[in-house]
PDB file of all heavy atoms in Angstrom:
ATOM      1  N   ALA A   1      -2.002  -3.094 -12.640  1.00  0.00           N
ATOM      2  CA  ALA A   1      -2.361  -4.172 -11.683  1.00  0.00           C
ATOM      3  C   ALA A   1      -3.485  -3.753 -10.796  1.00  0.00           C
ATOM      4  O   ALA A   1      -4.476  -4.545 -10.565  1.00  0.00           O
ATOM      5  CB  ALA A   1      -1.133  -4.619 -10.876  1.00  0.00           C
ATOM      6  N   LEU A   2      -3.474  -2.598 -10.284  1.00  0.00           N
ATOM      7  CA  LEU A   2      -4.554  -2.020  -9.434  1.00  0.00           C
ATOM      8  C   LEU A   2      -5.873  -1.972 -10.300  1.00  0.00           C
ATOM      9  O   LEU A   2      -6.887  -2.300  -9.756  1.00  0.00           O
ATOM     10  CB  LEU A   2      -4.192  -0.654  -8.957  1.00  0.00           C
ATOM     11  CG  LEU A   2      -3.144  -0.622  -7.864  1.00  0.00           C
ATOM     12  CD1 LEU A   2      -2.578   0.813  -7.697  1.00  0.00           C
ATOM     13  CD2 LEU A   2      -3.754  -1.169  -6.491  1.00  0.00           C
ATOM     14  N   ARG A   3      -5.857  -1.574 -11.510  1.00  0.00           N
ATOM     15  CA  ARG A   3      -7.090  -1.605 -12.400  1.00  0.00           C
ATOM     16  C   ARG A   3      -7.593  -2.937 -12.568  1.00  0.00           C
ATOM     17  O   ARG A   3      -8.740  -3.236 -12.582  1.00  0.00           O
ATOM     18  CB  ARG A   3      -6.714  -0.835 -13.718  1.00  0.00           C
ATOM     19  CG  ARG A   3      -6.375   0.617 -13.565  1.00  0.00           C
ATOM     20  CD  ARG A   3      -7.106   1.482 -14.665  1.00  0.00           C
ATOM     21  NE  ARG A   3      -6.640   2.886 -14.555  1.00  0.00           N
ATOM     22  CZ  ARG A   3      -7.124   3.723 -13.691  1.00  0.00           C
ATOM     23  NH1 ARG A   3      -8.063   3.379 -12.813  1.00  0.00           N
ATOM     24  NH2 ARG A   3      -6.710   5.006 -13.691  1.00  0.00           N
ATOM     25  N   ARG A   4      -6.652  -3.944 -12.766  1.00  0.00           N
ATOM     26  CA  ARG A   4      -7.072  -5.307 -12.934  1.00  0.00           C
ATOM     27  C   ARG A   4      -7.692  -5.836 -11.685  1.00  0.00           C
ATOM     28  O   ARG A   4      -8.716  -6.509 -11.657  1.00  0.00           O
ATOM     29  CB  ARG A   4      -5.918  -6.180 -13.401  1.00  0.00           C
ATOM     30  CG  ARG A   4      -6.185  -7.727 -13.361  1.00  0.00           C
ATOM     31  CD  ARG A   4      -7.318  -8.089 -14.266  1.00  0.00           C
ATOM     32  NE  ARG A   4      -7.730  -9.501 -14.041  1.00  0.00           N
ATOM     33  CZ  ARG A   4      -8.619  -9.923 -13.218  1.00  0.00           C
ATOM     34  NH1 ARG A   4      -9.239  -9.111 -12.446  1.00  0.00           N
ATOM     35  NH2 ARG A   4      -8.910 -11.234 -13.112  1.00  0.00           N
ATOM     36  N   GLU A   5      -7.081  -5.480 -10.532  1.00  0.00           N
ATOM     37  CA  GLU A   5      -7.606  -6.061  -9.215  1.00  0.00           C
ATOM     38  C   GLU A   5      -8.964  -5.430  -8.967  1.00  0.00           C
ATOM     39  O   GLU A   5      -9.766  -6.049  -8.247  1.00  0.00           O
ATOM     40  CB  GLU A   5      -6.637  -5.682  -8.186  1.00  0.00           C
ATOM     41  CG  GLU A   5      -5.302  -6.468  -8.222  1.00  0.00           C
ATOM     42  CD  GLU A   5      -4.164  -5.830  -7.400  1.00  0.00           C
ATOM     43  OE1 GLU A   5      -4.345  -4.747  -6.837  1.00  0.00           O
ATOM     44  OE2 GLU A   5      -3.059  -6.351  -7.488  1.00  0.00           O
ATOM     45  N   ALA A   6      -9.260  -4.206  -9.424  1.00  0.00           N
ATOM     46  CA  ALA A   6     -10.455  -3.460  -9.146  1.00  0.00           C
ATOM     47  C   ALA A   6     -11.701  -4.294  -9.677  1.00  0.00           C
ATOM     48  O   ALA A   6     -12.820  -4.023  -9.275  1.00  0.00           O
ATOM     49  CB  ALA A   6     -10.487  -2.131  -9.658  1.00  0.00           C
ATOM     50  N   ARG A   7     -11.454  -5.200 -10.696  1.00  0.00           N
ATOM     51  CA  ARG A   7     -12.507  -5.988 -11.275  1.00  0.00           C
ATOM     52  C   ARG A   7     -12.856  -7.159 -10.332  1.00  0.00           C
ATOM     53  O   ARG A   7     -13.887  -7.815 -10.526  1.00  0.00           O
ATOM     54  CB  ARG A   7     -12.077  -6.547 -12.629  1.00  0.00           C
ATOM     55  CG  ARG A   7     -12.406  -5.567 -13.705  1.00  0.00           C
ATOM     56  CD  ARG A   7     -13.763  -5.841 -14.323  1.00  0.00           C
ATOM     57  NE  ARG A   7     -14.226  -4.810 -15.317  1.00  0.00           N
ATOM     58  CZ  ARG A   7     -13.901  -4.854 -16.573  1.00  0.00           C
ATOM     59  NH1 ARG A   7     -13.187  -5.749 -17.118  1.00  0.00           N
ATOM     60  NH2 ARG A   7     -14.427  -3.862 -17.339  1.00  0.00           N
ATOM     61  N   ALA A   8     -12.072  -7.485  -9.383  1.00  0.00           N
ATOM     62  CA  ALA A   8     -12.268  -8.688  -8.530  1.00  0.00           C
ATOM     63  C   ALA A   8     -13.162  -8.376  -7.365  1.00  0.00           C
ATOM     64  O   ALA A   8     -13.288  -7.237  -6.901  1.00  0.00           O
ATOM     65  CB  ALA A   8     -10.949  -9.261  -8.058  1.00  0.00           C
ATOM     66  N   PRO A   9     -13.955  -9.335  -6.894  1.00  0.00           N
ATOM     67  CA  PRO A   9     -14.819  -9.177  -5.779  1.00  0.00           C
ATOM     68  C   PRO A   9     -14.114  -8.619  -4.614  1.00  0.00           C
ATOM     69  O   PRO A   9     -12.977  -9.071  -4.167  1.00  0.00           O
ATOM     70  CB  PRO A   9     -15.343 -10.610  -5.521  1.00  0.00           C
ATOM     71  CG  PRO A   9     -15.215 -11.308  -6.805  1.00  0.00           C
ATOM     72  CD  PRO A   9     -14.028 -10.786  -7.399  1.00  0.00           C
ATOM     73  N   GLY A  10     -14.692  -7.540  -3.937  1.00  0.00           N
ATOM     74  CA  GLY A  10     -14.094  -7.017  -2.741  1.00  0.00           C
ATOM     75  C   GLY A  10     -12.964  -6.017  -2.976  1.00  0.00           C
ATOM     76  O   GLY A  10     -12.407  -5.514  -2.035  1.00  0.00           O
ATOM     77  N   LEU A  11     -12.633  -5.816  -4.219  1.00  0.00           N
ATOM     78  CA  LEU A  11     -11.460  -4.906  -4.485  1.00  0.00           C
ATOM     79  C   LEU A  11     -11.846  -3.658  -5.264  1.00  0.00           C
ATOM     80  O   LEU A  11     -10.905  -3.105  -6.004  1.00  0.00           O
ATOM     81  CB  LEU A  11     -10.389  -5.726  -5.159  1.00  0.00           C
ATOM     82  CG  LEU A  11      -9.744  -6.802  -4.362  1.00  0.00           C
ATOM     83  CD1 LEU A  11      -8.772  -7.714  -5.145  1.00  0.00           C
ATOM     84  CD2 LEU A  11      -8.975  -6.265  -3.101  1.00  0.00           C
ATOM     85  N   ALA A  12     -13.044  -3.248  -5.341  1.00  0.00           N
ATOM     86  CA  ALA A  12     -13.453  -2.128  -6.210  1.00  0.00           C
ATOM     87  C   ALA A  12     -12.670  -0.864  -5.903  1.00  0.00           C
ATOM     88  O   ALA A  12     -12.341  -0.099  -6.791  1.00  0.00           O
ATOM     89  CB  ALA A  12     -14.987  -1.857  -5.999  1.00  0.00           C
ATOM     90  N   GLY A  13     -12.258  -0.683  -4.654  1.00  0.00           N
ATOM     91  CA  GLY A  13     -11.523   0.548  -4.320  1.00  0.00           C
ATOM     92  C   GLY A  13     -10.178   0.645  -4.891  1.00  0.00           C
ATOM     93  O   GLY A  13      -9.511   1.685  -4.899  1.00  0.00           O
ATOM     94  N   ARG A  14      -9.606  -0.500  -5.555  1.00  0.00           N
ATOM     95  CA  ARG A  14      -8.295  -0.378  -6.140  1.00  0.00           C
ATOM     96  C   ARG A  14      -8.249   0.480  -7.307  1.00  0.00           C
ATOM     97  O   ARG A  14      -7.209   1.064  -7.649  1.00  0.00           O
ATOM     98  CB  ARG A  14      -7.873  -1.790  -6.562  1.00  0.00           C
ATOM     99  CG  ARG A  14      -7.992  -2.895  -5.510  1.00  0.00           C
ATOM    100  CD  ARG A  14      -7.011  -2.765  -4.379  1.00  0.00           C
ATOM    101  NE  ARG A  14      -5.635  -3.358  -4.631  1.00  0.00           N
ATOM    102  CZ  ARG A  14      -4.781  -3.367  -3.726  1.00  0.00           C
ATOM    103  NH1 ARG A  14      -4.942  -2.959  -2.510  1.00  0.00           N
ATOM    104  NH2 ARG A  14      -3.553  -3.863  -4.054  1.00  0.00           N
ATOM    105  N   GLY A  15      -9.433   0.768  -7.967  1.00  0.00           N
ATOM    106  CA  GLY A  15      -9.396   1.616  -9.065  1.00  0.00           C
ATOM    107  C   GLY A  15      -9.135   3.137  -8.641  1.00  0.00           C
ATOM    108  O   GLY A  15      -8.450   3.869  -9.397  1.00  0.00           O
ATOM    109  N   VAL A  16      -9.614   3.498  -7.415  1.00  0.00           N
ATOM    110  CA  VAL A  16      -9.292   4.847  -6.920  1.00  0.00           C
ATOM    111  C   VAL A  16      -7.829   4.989  -6.678  1.00  0.00           C
ATOM    112  O   VAL A  16      -7.202   6.011  -6.873  1.00  0.00           O
ATOM    113  CB  VAL A  16     -10.113   5.096  -5.591  1.00  0.00           C
ATOM    114  CG1 VAL A  16      -9.832   6.544  -5.097  1.00  0.00           C
ATOM    115  CG2 VAL A  16     -11.564   4.888  -5.881  1.00  0.00           C
ATOM    116  N   LEU A  17      -7.205   3.838  -6.131  1.00  0.00           N
ATOM    117  CA  LEU A  17      -5.800   3.819  -5.909  1.00  0.00           C
ATOM    118  C   LEU A  17      -5.038   4.064  -7.242  1.00  0.00           C
ATOM    119  O   LEU A  17      -4.058   4.769  -7.341  1.00  0.00           O
ATOM    120  CB  LEU A  17      -5.276   2.617  -5.215  1.00  0.00           C
ATOM    121  CG  LEU A  17      -5.877   2.319  -3.837  1.00  0.00           C
ATOM    122  CD1 LEU A  17      -5.360   0.993  -3.360  1.00  0.00           C
ATOM    123  CD2 LEU A  17      -5.590   3.402  -2.860  1.00  0.00           C
ATOM    124  N   ALA A  18      -5.482   3.385  -8.320  1.00  0.00           N
ATOM    125  CA  ALA A  18      -4.851   3.521  -9.607  1.00  0.00           C
ATOM    126  C   ALA A  18      -4.889   4.875 -10.139  1.00  0.00           C
ATOM    127  O   ALA A  18      -3.875   5.489 -10.730  1.00  0.00           O
ATOM    128  CB  ALA A  18      -5.484   2.556 -10.608  1.00  0.00           C
ATOM    129  N   ASP A  19      -6.051   5.592  -9.922  1.00  0.00           N
ATOM    130  CA  ASP A  19      -6.174   6.959 -10.310  1.00  0.00           C
ATOM    131  C   ASP A  19      -5.083   7.870  -9.681  1.00  0.00           C
ATOM    132  O   ASP A  19      -4.478   8.766 -10.304  1.00  0.00           O
ATOM    133  CB  ASP A  19      -7.492   7.566  -9.956  1.00  0.00           C
ATOM    134  CG  ASP A  19      -8.633   6.934 -10.763  1.00  0.00           C
ATOM    135  OD1 ASP A  19      -8.335   6.356 -11.869  1.00  0.00           O
ATOM    136  OD2 ASP A  19      -9.825   7.105 -10.399  1.00  0.00           O
ATOM    137  N   GLN A  20      -4.775   7.612  -8.387  1.00  0.00           N
ATOM    138  CA  GLN A  20      -3.856   8.416  -7.657  1.00  0.00           C
ATOM    139  C   GLN A  20      -2.422   8.094  -8.084  1.00  0.00           C
ATOM    140  O   GLN A  20      -1.578   9.011  -8.147  1.00  0.00           O
ATOM    141  CB  GLN A  20      -3.983   8.167  -6.162  1.00  0.00           C
ATOM    142  CG  GLN A  20      -5.384   8.574  -5.641  1.00  0.00           C
ATOM    143  CD  GLN A  20      -5.803   9.931  -5.951  1.00  0.00           C
ATOM    144  OE1 GLN A  20      -5.018  10.940  -5.694  1.00  0.00           O
ATOM    145  NE2 GLN A  20      -6.895  10.081  -6.628  1.00  0.00           N
ATOM    146  N   VAL A  21      -2.159   6.889  -8.469  1.00  0.00           N
ATOM    147  CA  VAL A  21      -0.855   6.551  -9.076  1.00  0.00           C
ATOM    148  C   VAL A  21      -0.683   7.390 -10.363  1.00  0.00           C
ATOM    149  O   VAL A  21       0.460   7.973 -10.539  1.00  0.00           O
ATOM    150  CB  VAL A  21      -0.761   5.019  -9.300  1.00  0.00           C
ATOM    151  CG1 VAL A  21       0.592   4.802 -10.136  1.00  0.00           C
ATOM    152  CG2 VAL A  21      -0.717   4.228  -8.020  1.00  0.00           C
ATOM    153  N   LEU A  22      -1.697   7.387 -11.204  1.00  0.00           N
ATOM    154  CA  LEU A  22      -1.607   8.142 -12.436  1.00  0.00           C
ATOM    155  C   LEU A  22      -1.374   9.628 -12.147  1.00  0.00           C
ATOM    156  O   LEU A  22      -0.461  10.254 -12.694  1.00  0.00           O
ATOM    157  CB  LEU A  22      -2.905   7.900 -13.180  1.00  0.00           C
ATOM    158  CG  LEU A  22      -3.018   8.737 -14.541  1.00  0.00           C
ATOM    159  CD1 LEU A  22      -1.888   8.386 -15.520  1.00  0.00           C
ATOM    160  CD2 LEU A  22      -4.377   8.540 -15.125  1.00  0.00           C
ATOM    161  N   LEU A  23      -2.188  10.173 -11.273  1.00  0.00           N
ATOM    162  CA  LEU A  23      -2.171  11.652 -11.111  1.00  0.00           C
ATOM    163  C   LEU A  23      -0.943  12.172 -10.320  1.00  0.00           C
ATOM    164  O   LEU A  23      -0.478  13.220 -10.516  1.00  0.00           O
ATOM    165  CB  LEU A  23      -3.437  12.077 -10.422  1.00  0.00           C
ATOM    166  CG  LEU A  23      -4.760  11.895 -11.234  1.00  0.00           C
ATOM    167  CD1 LEU A  23      -5.977  12.231 -10.409  1.00  0.00           C
ATOM    168  CD2 LEU A  23      -4.704  12.780 -12.535  1.00  0.00           C
ATOM    169  N   HIS A  24      -0.456  11.304  -9.345  1.00  0.00           N
ATOM    170  CA  HIS A  24       0.580  11.811  -8.445  1.00  0.00           C
ATOM    171  C   HIS A  24       1.934  11.164  -8.673  1.00  0.00           C
ATOM    172  O   HIS A  24       2.922  11.678  -8.104  1.00  0.00           O
ATOM    173  CB  HIS A  24       0.112  11.534  -6.987  1.00  0.00           C
ATOM    174  CG  HIS A  24      -1.049  12.444  -6.599  1.00  0.00           C
ATOM    175  ND1 HIS A  24      -0.795  13.709  -6.166  1.00  0.00           N
ATOM    176  CD2 HIS A  24      -2.344  12.219  -6.561  1.00  0.00           C
ATOM    177  CE1 HIS A  24      -2.012  14.289  -5.869  1.00  0.00           C
ATOM    178  NE2 HIS A  24      -2.989  13.450  -6.161  1.00  0.00           N
ATOM    179  N   ARG A  25       2.007  10.050  -9.405  1.00  0.00           N
ATOM    180  CA  ARG A  25       3.297   9.366  -9.529  1.00  0.00           C
ATOM    181  C   ARG A  25       3.690   9.230 -11.012  1.00  0.00           C
ATOM    182  O   ARG A  25       4.903   8.862 -11.262  1.00  0.00           O
ATOM    183  CB  ARG A  25       3.261   8.025  -8.855  1.00  0.00           C
ATOM    184  CG  ARG A  25       2.832   8.095  -7.376  1.00  0.00           C
ATOM    185  CD  ARG A  25       3.418   7.021  -6.553  1.00  0.00           C
ATOM    186  NE  ARG A  25       4.700   7.307  -6.090  1.00  0.00           N
ATOM    187  CZ  ARG A  25       5.474   6.468  -5.385  1.00  0.00           C
ATOM    188  NH1 ARG A  25       4.887   5.272  -4.934  1.00  0.00           N
ATOM    189  NH2 ARG A  25       6.692   6.758  -5.020  1.00  0.00           N
ATOM    190  N   LEU A  26       2.820   9.442 -11.903  1.00  0.00           N
ATOM    191  CA  LEU A  26       3.135   9.236 -13.388  1.00  0.00           C
ATOM    192  C   LEU A  26       2.919  10.532 -14.136  1.00  0.00           C
ATOM    193  O   LEU A  26       3.252  10.632 -15.301  1.00  0.00           O
ATOM    194  CB  LEU A  26       2.292   8.142 -13.985  1.00  0.00           C
ATOM    195  CG  LEU A  26       2.937   6.752 -13.894  1.00  0.00           C
ATOM    196  CD1 LEU A  26       1.906   5.683 -14.367  1.00  0.00           C
ATOM    197  CD2 LEU A  26       4.206   6.636 -14.674  1.00  0.00           C
ATOM    198  N   THR A  27       2.279  11.566 -13.581  1.00  0.00           N
ATOM    199  CA  THR A  27       1.967  12.768 -14.303  1.00  0.00           C
ATOM    200  C   THR A  27       2.722  13.975 -13.670  1.00  0.00           C
ATOM    201  O   THR A  27       2.692  14.103 -12.452  1.00  0.00           O
ATOM    202  CB  THR A  27       0.443  13.014 -14.259  1.00  0.00           C
ATOM    203  OG1 THR A  27      -0.256  11.925 -14.710  1.00  0.00           O
ATOM    204  CG2 THR A  27       0.014  14.215 -15.045  1.00  0.00           C
ATOM    205  N   PRO A  28       3.336  14.760 -14.481  1.00  0.00           N
ATOM    206  CA  PRO A  28       4.132  15.928 -13.976  1.00  0.00           C
ATOM    207  C   PRO A  28       3.140  16.913 -13.353  1.00  0.00           C
ATOM    208  O   PRO A  28       1.953  17.093 -13.771  1.00  0.00           O
ATOM    209  CB  PRO A  28       4.733  16.493 -15.161  1.00  0.00           C
ATOM    210  CG  PRO A  28       3.998  16.060 -16.355  1.00  0.00           C
ATOM    211  CD  PRO A  28       3.440  14.680 -15.946  1.00  0.00           C
ATOM    212  N   ARG A  29       3.570  17.520 -12.272  1.00  0.00           N
ATOM    213  CA  ARG A  29       2.703  18.561 -11.504  1.00  0.00           C
ATOM    214  C   ARG A  29       3.540  19.740 -11.192  1.00  0.00           C
ATOM    215  O   ARG A  29       4.675  19.689 -10.845  1.00  0.00           O
ATOM    216  CB  ARG A  29       2.175  17.924 -10.205  1.00  0.00           C
ATOM    217  CG  ARG A  29       1.201  16.762 -10.419  1.00  0.00           C
ATOM    218  CD  ARG A  29       1.014  15.947  -9.116  1.00  0.00           C
ATOM    219  NE  ARG A  29       0.378  16.758  -8.068  1.00  0.00           N
ATOM    220  CZ  ARG A  29      -0.854  16.962  -7.946  1.00  0.00           C
ATOM    221  NH1 ARG A  29      -1.748  16.365  -8.788  1.00  0.00           N
ATOM    222  NH2 ARG A  29      -1.438  17.663  -6.888  1.00  0.00           N
ATOM    223  N   ASP A  30       2.886  20.871 -11.336  1.00  0.00           N
ATOM    224  CA  ASP A  30       3.540  22.125 -10.929  1.00  0.00           C
ATOM    225  C   ASP A  30       3.426  22.297  -9.405  1.00  0.00           C
ATOM    226  O   ASP A  30       2.317  22.426  -8.857  1.00  0.00           O
ATOM    227  CB  ASP A  30       2.778  23.301 -11.626  1.00  0.00           C
ATOM    228  CG  ASP A  30       3.409  24.682 -11.317  1.00  0.00           C
ATOM    229  OD1 ASP A  30       4.232  24.802 -10.399  1.00  0.00           O
ATOM    230  OD2 ASP A  30       2.935  25.624 -11.941  1.00  0.00           O
ATOM    231  N   PRO A  31       4.617  22.235  -8.720  1.00  0.00           N
ATOM    232  CA  PRO A  31       4.557  22.344  -7.290  1.00  0.00           C
ATOM    233  C   PRO A  31       3.974  23.662  -6.722  1.00  0.00           C
ATOM    234  O   PRO A  31       3.648  23.703  -5.546  1.00  0.00           O
ATOM    235  CB  PRO A  31       5.978  22.167  -6.878  1.00  0.00           C
ATOM    236  CG  PRO A  31       6.739  22.675  -8.045  1.00  0.00           C
ATOM    237  CD  PRO A  31       5.971  22.320  -9.272  1.00  0.00           C
ATOM    238  N   CYS A  32       3.821  24.657  -7.554  1.00  0.00           N
ATOM    239  CA  CYS A  32       3.249  25.905  -7.040  1.00  0.00           C
ATOM    240  C   CYS A  32       1.885  26.193  -7.494  1.00  0.00           C
ATOM    241  O   CYS A  32       1.249  27.171  -7.124  1.00  0.00           O
ATOM    242  CB  CYS A  32       4.175  27.072  -7.502  1.00  0.00           C
ATOM    243  SG  CYS A  32       5.830  27.067  -6.817  1.00  0.00           S
ATOM    244  N   ALA A  33       1.280  25.289  -8.347  1.00  0.00           N
ATOM    245  CA  ALA A  33      -0.029  25.386  -8.756  1.00  0.00           C
ATOM    246  C   ALA A  33      -1.067  25.103  -7.618  1.00  0.00           C
ATOM    247  O   ALA A  33      -0.737  24.305  -6.726  1.00  0.00           O
ATOM    248  CB  ALA A  33      -0.319  24.560  -9.988  1.00  0.00           C
ATOM    249  N   ILE A  34      -2.187  25.774  -7.684  1.00  0.00           N
ATOM    250  CA  ILE A  34      -3.223  25.506  -6.730  1.00  0.00           C
ATOM    251  C   ILE A  34      -4.085  24.354  -7.239  1.00  0.00           C
ATOM    252  O   ILE A  34      -4.817  24.529  -8.209  1.00  0.00           O
ATOM    253  CB  ILE A  34      -4.105  26.737  -6.419  1.00  0.00           C
ATOM    254  CG1 ILE A  34      -3.249  27.866  -5.932  1.00  0.00           C
ATOM    255  CG2 ILE A  34      -5.250  26.392  -5.424  1.00  0.00           C
ATOM    256  CD1 ILE A  34      -4.008  29.114  -5.725  1.00  0.00           C
ATOM    257  N   PRO A  35      -3.959  23.154  -6.690  1.00  0.00           N
ATOM    258  CA  PRO A  35      -4.690  21.974  -7.198  1.00  0.00           C
ATOM    259  C   PRO A  35      -6.209  22.054  -6.867  1.00  0.00           C
ATOM    260  O   PRO A  35      -6.663  22.730  -5.943  1.00  0.00           O
ATOM    261  CB  PRO A  35      -4.045  20.777  -6.591  1.00  0.00           C
ATOM    262  CG  PRO A  35      -3.620  21.291  -5.255  1.00  0.00           C
ATOM    263  CD  PRO A  35      -3.177  22.786  -5.457  1.00  0.00           C
ATOM    264  N   ALA A  36      -6.910  21.183  -7.500  1.00  0.00           N
ATOM    265  CA  ALA A  36      -8.310  20.999  -7.220  1.00  0.00           C
ATOM    266  C   ALA A  36      -8.444  20.299  -5.825  1.00  0.00           C
ATOM    267  O   ALA A  36      -7.510  19.663  -5.296  1.00  0.00           O
ATOM    268  CB  ALA A  36      -8.977  20.153  -8.229  1.00  0.00           C
ATOM    269  N   ASP A  37      -9.578  20.504  -5.138  1.00  0.00           N
ATOM    270  CA  ASP A  37      -9.821  19.885  -3.889  1.00  0.00           C
ATOM    271  C   ASP A  37      -9.886  18.423  -4.091  1.00  0.00           C
ATOM    272  O   ASP A  37     -10.731  17.840  -4.799  1.00  0.00           O
ATOM    273  CB  ASP A  37     -11.144  20.456  -3.327  1.00  0.00           C
ATOM    274  CG  ASP A  37     -11.350  19.954  -1.875  1.00  0.00           C
ATOM    275  OD1 ASP A  37     -10.574  19.015  -1.452  1.00  0.00           O
ATOM    276  OD2 ASP A  37     -12.318  20.384  -1.295  1.00  0.00           O
ATOM    277  N   GLU A  38      -9.004  17.682  -3.451  1.00  0.00           N
ATOM    278  CA  GLU A  38      -8.918  16.221  -3.610  1.00  0.00           C
ATOM    279  C   GLU A  38      -9.462  15.459  -2.372  1.00  0.00           C
ATOM    280  O   GLU A  38      -9.213  14.268  -2.244  1.00  0.00           O
ATOM    281  CB  GLU A  38      -7.452  15.807  -3.907  1.00  0.00           C
ATOM    282  CG  GLU A  38      -6.944  16.267  -5.212  1.00  0.00           C
ATOM    283  CD  GLU A  38      -5.566  15.723  -5.556  1.00  0.00           C
ATOM    284  OE1 GLU A  38      -4.659  15.808  -4.622  1.00  0.00           O
ATOM    285  OE2 GLU A  38      -5.327  15.279  -6.670  1.00  0.00           O
ATOM    286  N   ASP A  39     -10.089  16.161  -1.494  1.00  0.00           N
ATOM    287  CA  ASP A  39     -10.514  15.506  -0.246  1.00  0.00           C
ATOM    288  C   ASP A  39     -11.570  14.372  -0.535  1.00  0.00           C
ATOM    289  O   ASP A  39     -11.585  13.415   0.143  1.00  0.00           O
ATOM    290  CB  ASP A  39     -11.128  16.495   0.718  1.00  0.00           C
ATOM    291  CG  ASP A  39     -11.394  15.879   2.085  1.00  0.00           C
ATOM    292  OD1 ASP A  39     -10.472  15.243   2.626  1.00  0.00           O
ATOM    293  OD2 ASP A  39     -12.506  16.046   2.636  1.00  0.00           O
ATOM    294  N   ALA A  40     -12.337  14.563  -1.568  1.00  0.00           N
ATOM    295  CA  ALA A  40     -13.346  13.560  -1.939  1.00  0.00           C
ATOM    296  C   ALA A  40     -12.639  12.223  -2.351  1.00  0.00           C
ATOM    297  O   ALA A  40     -13.065  11.182  -1.929  1.00  0.00           O
ATOM    298  CB  ALA A  40     -14.264  14.048  -3.146  1.00  0.00           C
ATOM    299  N   ALA A  41     -11.483  12.418  -3.087  1.00  0.00           N
ATOM    300  CA  ALA A  41     -10.743  11.152  -3.501  1.00  0.00           C
ATOM    301  C   ALA A  41     -10.121  10.576  -2.226  1.00  0.00           C
ATOM    302  O   ALA A  41     -10.105   9.312  -2.116  1.00  0.00           O
ATOM    303  CB  ALA A  41      -9.691  11.596  -4.482  1.00  0.00           C
ATOM    304  N   CYS A  42      -9.616  11.353  -1.327  1.00  0.00           N
ATOM    305  CA  CYS A  42      -9.027  10.843  -0.090  1.00  0.00           C
ATOM    306  C   CYS A  42     -10.076  10.138   0.753  1.00  0.00           C
ATOM    307  O   CYS A  42      -9.840   8.992   1.273  1.00  0.00           O
ATOM    308  CB  CYS A  42      -8.417  11.959   0.683  1.00  0.00           C
ATOM    309  SG  CYS A  42      -6.920  12.726  -0.069  1.00  0.00           S
ATOM    310  N   ARG A  43     -11.267  10.700   0.850  1.00  0.00           N
ATOM    311  CA  ARG A  43     -12.378  10.004   1.530  1.00  0.00           C
ATOM    312  C   ARG A  43     -12.668   8.707   0.835  1.00  0.00           C
ATOM    313  O   ARG A  43     -12.891   7.636   1.533  1.00  0.00           O
ATOM    314  CB  ARG A  43     -13.603  10.917   1.541  1.00  0.00           C
ATOM    315  CG  ARG A  43     -13.524  12.095   2.464  1.00  0.00           C
ATOM    316  CD  ARG A  43     -14.801  12.906   2.288  1.00  0.00           C
ATOM    317  NE  ARG A  43     -14.788  14.118   3.170  1.00  0.00           N
ATOM    318  CZ  ARG A  43     -15.227  14.116   4.420  1.00  0.00           C
ATOM    319  NH1 ARG A  43     -15.724  12.988   5.062  1.00  0.00           N
ATOM    320  NH2 ARG A  43     -15.165  15.193   5.152  1.00  0.00           N
ATOM    321  N   ALA A  44     -12.716   8.654  -0.416  1.00  0.00           N
ATOM    322  CA  ALA A  44     -13.051   7.417  -1.165  1.00  0.00           C
ATOM    323  C   ALA A  44     -12.031   6.358  -0.923  1.00  0.00           C
ATOM    324  O   ALA A  44     -12.351   5.196  -0.674  1.00  0.00           O
ATOM    325  CB  ALA A  44     -13.210   7.664  -2.624  1.00  0.00           C
ATOM    326  N   MET A  45     -10.734   6.721  -0.917  1.00  0.00           N
ATOM    327  CA  MET A  45      -9.667   5.735  -0.678  1.00  0.00           C
ATOM    328  C   MET A  45      -9.678   5.176   0.694  1.00  0.00           C
ATOM    329  O   MET A  45      -9.660   4.037   0.920  1.00  0.00           O
ATOM    330  CB  MET A  45      -8.290   6.362  -0.926  1.00  0.00           C
ATOM    331  CG  MET A  45      -7.908   6.448  -2.376  1.00  0.00           C
ATOM    332  SD  MET A  45      -6.196   7.072  -2.588  1.00  0.00           S
ATOM    333  CE  MET A  45      -6.483   8.793  -2.435  1.00  0.00           C
TER     334      MET A  45
END
């Protein structure tokens, strides 16, 4: 839904939210791994 909404006027930022759903809520993560710097994504959101 977020990816579909990102196509609508004024909602381009919804695509960044969709990326975070994928990476943080649908993809397994090692809790002890050192992740990449995500501050750029946070700034964008």
